[in-house]
Amino acid sequence: REYRRLRSLSLDAFHSKHAKVGPSYIQCTARYNGDDGFAINGHYHIISYAPGTRQIRVIGKLGEEPDLVVGDEVELVSYNGERVPNAKITAIEAGSDLWQSERNFLNQANFAGRVKNTRSATSVYYVTLNRAITLPIGSLIASANRIGNGFLVQGCTAGPNRSRGILVKASNGSIINNVLVDNWGMAIKASPEFKWLEAGSGNNITITGNTITKCHDVAIAVHAENGDGAISPVGAHNDVKISGNSIVDSSMPAIAVTSTKNLDLTNNIISGRDNDLVEPWRQNQFGRSQKPNRKIFLKNVA
C-alpha cells in the first residue's frame, strides 16, 4: 500500500548515503522542508600522510572508523582539489595516536556542523593501496563504489524549500524532467563538499529536461572547491551533459560549471531574471560581483 504523506521539518526530504547502487527517485515530491529535497552522497576521510608510499595514514570522518574495505576502489582528491587516478585498497588496520601536526590541521580545517567532531579523533588508520601515492595533508579518500553511483532522479518535484532542490555527489546518473520551484539554494547541484566531507566527484552525469523557476541561487551548478575554498582544477568532474533545461525568473548566473572535463552544454533556455532573490552573502560567488547579469559562469572547464 502507499505511504501516507511524510513530513520533513529541519532536514532533507530524501537522503541516500553510502549506496552501492544509486537510488531511483521517480515522481516523488519534496516541498516545504528545511533542507535539501533529494541528496545522494558518501563519506570522505582525511589523508594525513601520503609520502610516496603505498601505506598512508587516514583520519576517519567524525573521528570514527572510516567506511573503507579491502578491495574497495577509492577516489583520491588532493587538498588543492586535483583528482588523481583511483587506487584500490589491499589492506587496512587501526593505527597509532594522532601526531601533533595532524591535530593542528584538524583544528584549523574549515569543517561545518557535526563534521567538526572530526577534530576529536584520537587515532589514525593505516590504509595500504595497490600503488604508491604522494599527497599533502588534508587530501581526501572515499570508497568510489559506495556513494550512490547509478542514481536516477526523474519526474520529481522539489520546492519550495530552504536549501538545494537536488544535490548529488555521485557518478553514472541522470537528473531528468524534474520541476524545481523556489529553491533557496541551488536547484540542481552536483558537487563534492570538503567542509561536510561528503563524497564524491562526478563522472558521466546527465541533466536534461528540467524546469526551474524562481531559484534563489545558481539554478544548475556542477562545480568543485578545494580545501581552501578555491575552485578546483579541470577534471574533478568528467563527461557532463546539461541540455534542454528551462530556467525561468531565477537569479543569475542561471548555470555555473567549474572543474569539468568534457562538458556538453547545449539547448538550455534561460528567460527572465530576478537577482533580488540572491542572499547577500552569495553576492561574491560565481562572478556575480563582476557581472551580475551573466547567464552562464564557466571556469576551469575543458
Protein backbone atom coordinates (compact mmCIF):
# COMPACT_ATOMS: atom_id res chain seq x y z
CA ARG A 1 0.00 0.00 0.00
CA GLU A 2 1.06 3.61 -0.41
CA TYR A 3 2.75 5.55 2.37
CA ARG A 4 0.87 8.43 3.84
CA ARG A 5 2.46 11.83 3.35
CA LEU A 6 5.77 12.10 5.23
CA ARG A 7 6.89 15.31 6.89
CA SER A 8 10.50 16.54 6.86
CA LEU A 9 10.95 19.57 9.07
CA SER A 10 14.56 20.73 9.50
CA LEU A 11 16.24 18.02 7.42
CA ASP A 12 16.46 16.69 3.86
CA ALA A 13 13.31 15.15 2.44
CA PHE A 14 15.09 12.21 0.72
CA HIS A 15 18.68 11.35 1.66
CA SER A 16 20.73 8.42 0.32
CA LYS A 17 24.16 7.71 1.80
CA HIS A 18 26.78 5.00 1.07
CA ALA A 19 24.63 3.25 -1.59
CA LYS A 20 26.46 0.66 -3.69
CA VAL A 21 23.74 1.10 -6.30
CA GLY A 22 22.34 4.60 -6.54
CA PRO A 23 18.69 5.23 -5.67
CA SER A 24 15.94 5.90 -8.20
CA TYR A 25 13.58 8.70 -7.21
CA ILE A 26 10.73 8.69 -9.72
CA GLN A 27 7.74 11.03 -9.49
CA CYS A 28 8.49 11.92 -5.87
CA THR A 29 7.64 15.25 -4.24
CA ALA A 30 9.69 17.21 -1.68
CA ARG A 31 8.22 20.53 -0.57
CA TYR A 32 8.35 22.90 2.42
CA ASN A 33 11.18 21.03 4.16
CA GLY A 34 14.03 22.72 5.99
CA ASP A 35 16.98 21.47 3.96
CA ASP A 36 17.63 19.71 0.63
CA GLY A 37 14.94 17.97 -1.39
CA PHE A 38 16.99 15.00 -2.67
CA ALA A 39 20.56 14.25 -1.53
CA ILE A 40 22.89 11.44 -2.64
CA ASN A 41 26.43 11.07 -1.27
CA GLY A 42 29.06 9.11 0.64
CA HIS A 43 31.87 9.92 3.08
CA TYR A 44 35.28 11.47 2.53
CA HIS A 45 38.03 10.77 5.04
CA ILE A 46 41.19 12.79 5.66
CA ILE A 47 44.53 11.65 4.30
CA SER A 48 47.06 12.90 6.82
CA TYR A 49 50.26 11.32 5.48
CA ALA A 50 50.99 10.03 1.98
CA PRO A 51 54.74 10.48 1.38
CA GLY A 52 55.10 8.44 -1.82
CA THR A 53 54.47 5.03 -0.27
CA ARG A 54 51.65 2.52 -0.64
CA GLN A 55 50.70 2.76 3.05
CA ILE A 56 49.06 6.04 4.06
CA ARG A 57 47.60 7.47 7.26
CA VAL A 58 43.85 8.21 7.25
CA ILE A 59 41.66 10.00 9.81
CA GLY A 60 38.04 8.91 9.72
CA LYS A 61 35.20 11.40 9.28
CA LEU A 62 33.73 12.38 12.66
CA GLY A 63 36.74 10.72 14.27
CA GLU A 64 35.18 7.32 13.60
CA GLU A 65 36.39 4.22 11.76
CA PRO A 66 36.35 5.02 8.02
CA ASP A 67 33.96 3.10 5.81
CA LEU A 68 36.83 1.69 3.73
CA VAL A 69 37.16 -2.02 3.00
CA VAL A 70 39.89 -4.17 1.46
CA GLY A 71 39.13 -4.45 -2.24
CA ASP A 72 37.49 -1.03 -2.47
CA GLU A 73 38.30 1.20 -5.39
CA VAL A 74 38.91 4.61 -3.85
CA GLU A 75 38.56 8.16 -5.11
CA LEU A 76 41.57 10.33 -4.24
CA VAL A 77 41.48 14.15 -4.20
CA SER A 78 44.42 16.37 -3.36
CA TYR A 79 43.93 19.22 -0.91
CA ASN A 80 44.32 21.59 -3.89
CA GLY A 81 41.26 19.98 -5.49
CA GLU A 82 43.07 17.93 -8.12
CA ARG A 83 41.66 14.46 -8.68
CA VAL A 84 44.35 11.83 -9.04
CA PRO A 85 43.75 8.37 -10.54
CA ASN A 86 41.73 5.99 -8.38
CA ALA A 87 43.50 3.23 -6.49
CA LYS A 88 42.47 0.01 -4.74
CA ILE A 89 42.78 -0.89 -1.05
CA THR A 90 44.85 -4.00 -0.32
CA ALA A 91 44.96 -3.73 3.49
CA ILE A 92 43.63 -1.61 6.34
CA GLU A 93 44.31 -1.65 10.08
CA ALA A 94 43.94 0.53 13.14
CA GLY A 95 46.98 2.74 13.62
CA SER A 96 48.67 4.97 16.16
CA ASP A 97 47.63 8.08 18.04
CA LEU A 98 47.45 11.31 16.06
CA TRP A 99 50.62 13.27 15.53
CA GLN A 100 50.64 16.91 16.65
CA SER A 101 50.80 18.02 13.00
CA GLU A 102 47.59 16.10 12.35
CA ARG A 103 45.86 17.69 15.33
CA ASN A 104 46.99 21.12 14.16
CA PHE A 105 45.50 20.53 10.73
CA LEU A 106 42.15 19.31 12.10
CA ASN A 107 41.88 22.28 14.43
CA GLN A 108 42.21 24.80 11.58
CA ALA A 109 40.28 22.90 8.89
CA ASN A 110 37.10 24.51 7.55
CA PHE A 111 34.61 21.88 8.73
CA ALA A 112 30.88 22.51 9.08
CA GLY A 113 28.24 21.24 11.50
CA ARG A 114 28.83 17.82 13.06
CA VAL A 115 31.87 17.30 10.83
CA LYS A 116 33.76 19.45 13.35
CA ASN A 117 33.67 16.32 15.54
CA THR A 118 36.44 15.00 13.30
CA ARG A 119 38.73 17.18 15.42
CA SER A 120 38.12 14.79 18.32
CA ALA A 121 39.74 11.86 16.51
CA THR A 122 42.22 10.03 18.73
CA SER A 123 43.89 7.68 16.25
CA VAL A 124 44.53 7.10 12.57
CA TYR A 125 44.09 4.09 10.31
CA TYR A 126 46.79 2.62 8.11
CA VAL A 127 45.45 2.10 4.59
CA THR A 128 47.57 0.25 2.05
CA LEU A 129 46.90 0.86 -1.65
CA ASN A 130 47.90 -1.03 -4.76
CA ARG A 131 50.26 1.78 -5.75
CA ALA A 132 52.29 4.49 -4.07
CA ILE A 133 50.82 7.99 -3.82
CA THR A 134 52.14 11.39 -2.78
CA LEU A 135 49.52 13.78 -1.42
CA PRO A 136 49.58 16.64 1.11
CA ILE A 137 47.83 16.53 4.48
CA GLY A 138 44.14 17.30 4.13
CA SER A 139 43.69 15.37 0.91
CA LEU A 140 40.65 13.13 0.68
CA ILE A 141 39.86 9.45 0.20
CA ALA A 142 36.45 7.83 -0.36
CA SER A 143 35.08 4.48 -1.40
CA ALA A 144 34.31 5.12 -5.07
CA ASN A 145 31.62 2.45 -5.12
CA ARG A 146 29.60 3.48 -2.05
CA ILE A 147 28.50 6.98 -2.97
CA GLY A 148 25.30 6.29 -4.93
CA ASN A 149 26.62 5.70 -8.46
CA GLY A 150 23.93 4.85 -10.99
CA PHE A 151 21.35 7.20 -9.48
CA LEU A 152 18.20 8.47 -11.20
CA VAL A 153 16.04 11.46 -10.25
CA GLN A 154 13.20 11.67 -12.74
CA GLY A 155 9.83 13.36 -12.89
CA CYS A 156 10.11 14.70 -9.34
CA THR A 157 9.07 18.00 -7.77
CA ALA A 158 11.34 19.85 -5.34
CA GLY A 159 10.45 23.14 -3.66
CA PRO A 160 9.68 25.47 -2.19
CA ASN A 161 12.39 24.53 0.32
CA ARG A 162 15.15 26.18 2.35
CA SER A 163 18.18 24.77 0.54
CA ARG A 164 19.04 22.80 -2.61
CA GLY A 165 16.42 21.01 -4.68
CA ILE A 166 18.55 18.09 -5.93
CA LEU A 167 22.08 17.56 -4.59
CA VAL A 168 24.15 14.67 -5.97
CA LYS A 169 27.75 13.63 -5.32
CA ALA A 170 27.97 10.50 -7.43
CA SER A 171 28.59 9.23 -10.97
CA ASN A 172 26.83 7.48 -13.83
CA GLY A 173 23.48 9.09 -13.13
CA SER A 174 20.71 11.19 -14.60
CA ILE A 175 18.54 14.10 -13.44
CA ILE A 176 15.68 14.23 -15.93
CA ASN A 177 12.36 16.03 -16.37
CA ASN A 178 12.05 17.38 -12.84
CA VAL A 179 10.21 20.51 -11.70
CA LEU A 180 12.03 22.75 -9.22
CA VAL A 181 10.32 25.80 -7.74
CA ASP A 182 11.51 28.47 -5.30
CA ASN A 183 14.60 26.65 -4.03
CA TRP A 184 16.57 28.92 -1.66
CA GLY A 185 19.78 27.11 -2.58
CA MET A 186 20.82 25.74 -5.96
CA ALA A 187 18.00 23.95 -7.73
CA ILE A 188 20.32 21.22 -9.08
CA LYS A 189 23.81 20.83 -7.68
CA ALA A 190 26.46 18.23 -8.49
CA SER A 191 29.48 18.86 -6.30
CA PRO A 192 31.58 17.24 -3.58
CA GLU A 193 31.84 19.28 -0.38
CA PHE A 194 35.05 19.42 1.63
CA LYS A 195 33.59 21.20 4.64
CA TRP A 196 30.95 18.47 5.05
CA LEU A 197 33.36 15.66 4.00
CA GLU A 198 30.69 14.45 1.59
CA ALA A 199 31.85 12.46 -1.46
CA GLY A 200 32.23 12.33 -4.29
CA SER A 201 33.11 13.84 -7.64
CA GLY A 202 31.01 13.06 -10.71
CA ASN A 203 31.65 11.23 -13.97
CA ASN A 204 29.06 10.66 -16.69
CA ILE A 205 26.23 12.87 -15.42
CA THR A 206 23.18 13.88 -17.48
CA ILE A 207 20.98 16.85 -16.52
CA THR A 208 18.21 17.27 -19.10
CA GLY A 209 14.63 18.39 -19.48
CA ASN A 210 14.29 20.06 -16.09
CA THR A 211 12.12 23.12 -15.45
CA ILE A 212 13.40 25.55 -12.80
CA THR A 213 11.52 28.62 -11.60
CA LYS A 214 12.47 31.35 -9.10
CA CYS A 215 15.70 29.79 -7.88
CA HIS A 216 17.48 31.92 -5.26
CA ASP A 217 20.97 30.70 -6.24
CA VAL A 218 22.51 29.15 -9.36
CA ALA A 219 19.77 27.05 -10.95
CA ILE A 220 22.12 24.34 -12.27
CA ALA A 221 25.61 24.08 -10.77
CA VAL A 222 28.29 21.47 -11.44
CA HIS A 223 31.38 22.59 -9.57
CA ALA A 224 34.10 21.71 -7.07
CA GLU A 225 36.17 23.54 -4.46
CA ASN A 226 39.43 22.57 -2.79
CA GLY A 227 40.27 22.53 0.90
CA ASP A 228 40.78 26.30 0.95
CA GLY A 229 37.50 27.02 -0.83
CA ALA A 230 39.07 27.92 -4.19
CA ILE A 231 37.77 26.47 -7.47
CA SER A 232 39.31 23.09 -8.22
CA PRO A 233 41.28 22.33 -11.40
CA VAL A 234 39.81 20.72 -14.51
CA GLY A 235 38.91 17.08 -14.04
CA ALA A 236 37.05 16.97 -10.75
CA HIS A 237 34.03 16.12 -12.92
CA ASN A 238 34.15 14.37 -16.29
CA ASP A 239 31.67 13.86 -19.13
CA VAL A 240 28.79 16.08 -18.03
CA LYS A 241 25.75 16.84 -20.21
CA ILE A 242 23.49 19.81 -19.39
CA SER A 243 20.91 20.09 -22.14
CA GLY A 244 17.31 21.03 -22.83
CA ASN A 245 16.62 22.63 -19.45
CA SER A 246 14.34 25.64 -18.89
CA ILE A 247 15.27 28.24 -16.26
CA VAL A 248 12.72 30.99 -15.62
CA ASP A 249 12.76 34.15 -13.45
CA SER A 250 15.73 32.98 -11.41
CA SER A 251 18.89 34.63 -10.11
CA MET A 252 21.97 34.88 -12.31
CA PRO A 253 24.08 33.11 -13.28
CA ALA A 254 21.48 30.51 -14.17
CA ILE A 255 24.12 27.87 -14.94
CA ALA A 256 27.60 27.53 -13.39
CA VAL A 257 30.14 24.87 -14.30
CA THR A 258 33.69 24.57 -12.98
CA SER A 259 36.40 21.93 -12.73
CA THR A 260 34.91 19.84 -15.54
CA LYS A 261 36.39 17.95 -18.49
CA ASN A 262 34.21 17.09 -21.49
CA LEU A 263 31.21 19.36 -20.93
CA ASP A 264 28.19 19.23 -23.26
CA LEU A 265 26.23 22.44 -22.60
CA THR A 266 23.50 22.86 -25.25
CA ASN A 267 19.92 23.96 -25.91
CA ASN A 268 19.14 25.37 -22.47
CA ILE A 269 16.56 28.17 -22.30
CA ILE A 270 17.14 30.98 -19.77
CA SER A 271 14.31 33.52 -19.63
CA GLY A 272 13.77 36.38 -17.22
CA ARG A 273 15.91 37.06 -14.17
CA ASP A 274 15.40 38.15 -10.59
CA ASN A 275 18.68 38.91 -8.84
CA ASP A 276 16.79 40.19 -5.82
CA LEU A 277 16.34 36.51 -4.92
CA VAL A 278 20.06 36.12 -4.14
CA GLU A 279 21.00 36.10 -0.46
CA PRO A 280 23.50 38.92 0.34
CA TRP A 281 26.23 36.51 1.42
CA ARG A 282 26.17 34.89 -2.04
CA GLN A 283 26.78 38.11 -3.97
CA ASN A 284 30.52 37.37 -4.41
CA GLN A 285 30.05 33.83 -5.68
CA PHE A 286 30.25 32.69 -9.33
CA GLY A 287 31.31 36.11 -10.61
CA ARG A 288 28.17 37.95 -9.53
CA SER A 289 30.08 40.95 -8.20
CA GLN A 290 31.78 41.44 -11.62
CA LYS A 291 28.88 40.58 -13.96
CA PRO A 292 25.61 40.32 -12.02
CA ASN A 293 23.51 39.61 -15.12
CA ARG A 294 25.76 36.96 -16.67
CA LYS A 295 23.64 33.93 -17.56
CA ILE A 296 26.36 31.28 -17.59
CA PHE A 297 29.55 31.08 -15.49
CA LEU A 298 32.38 28.78 -16.62
CA LYS A 299 35.80 28.33 -15.04
CA ASN A 300 38.37 25.55 -15.31
CA VAL A 301 36.30 23.80 -17.95
CA ALA A 302 37.69 21.89 -20.95
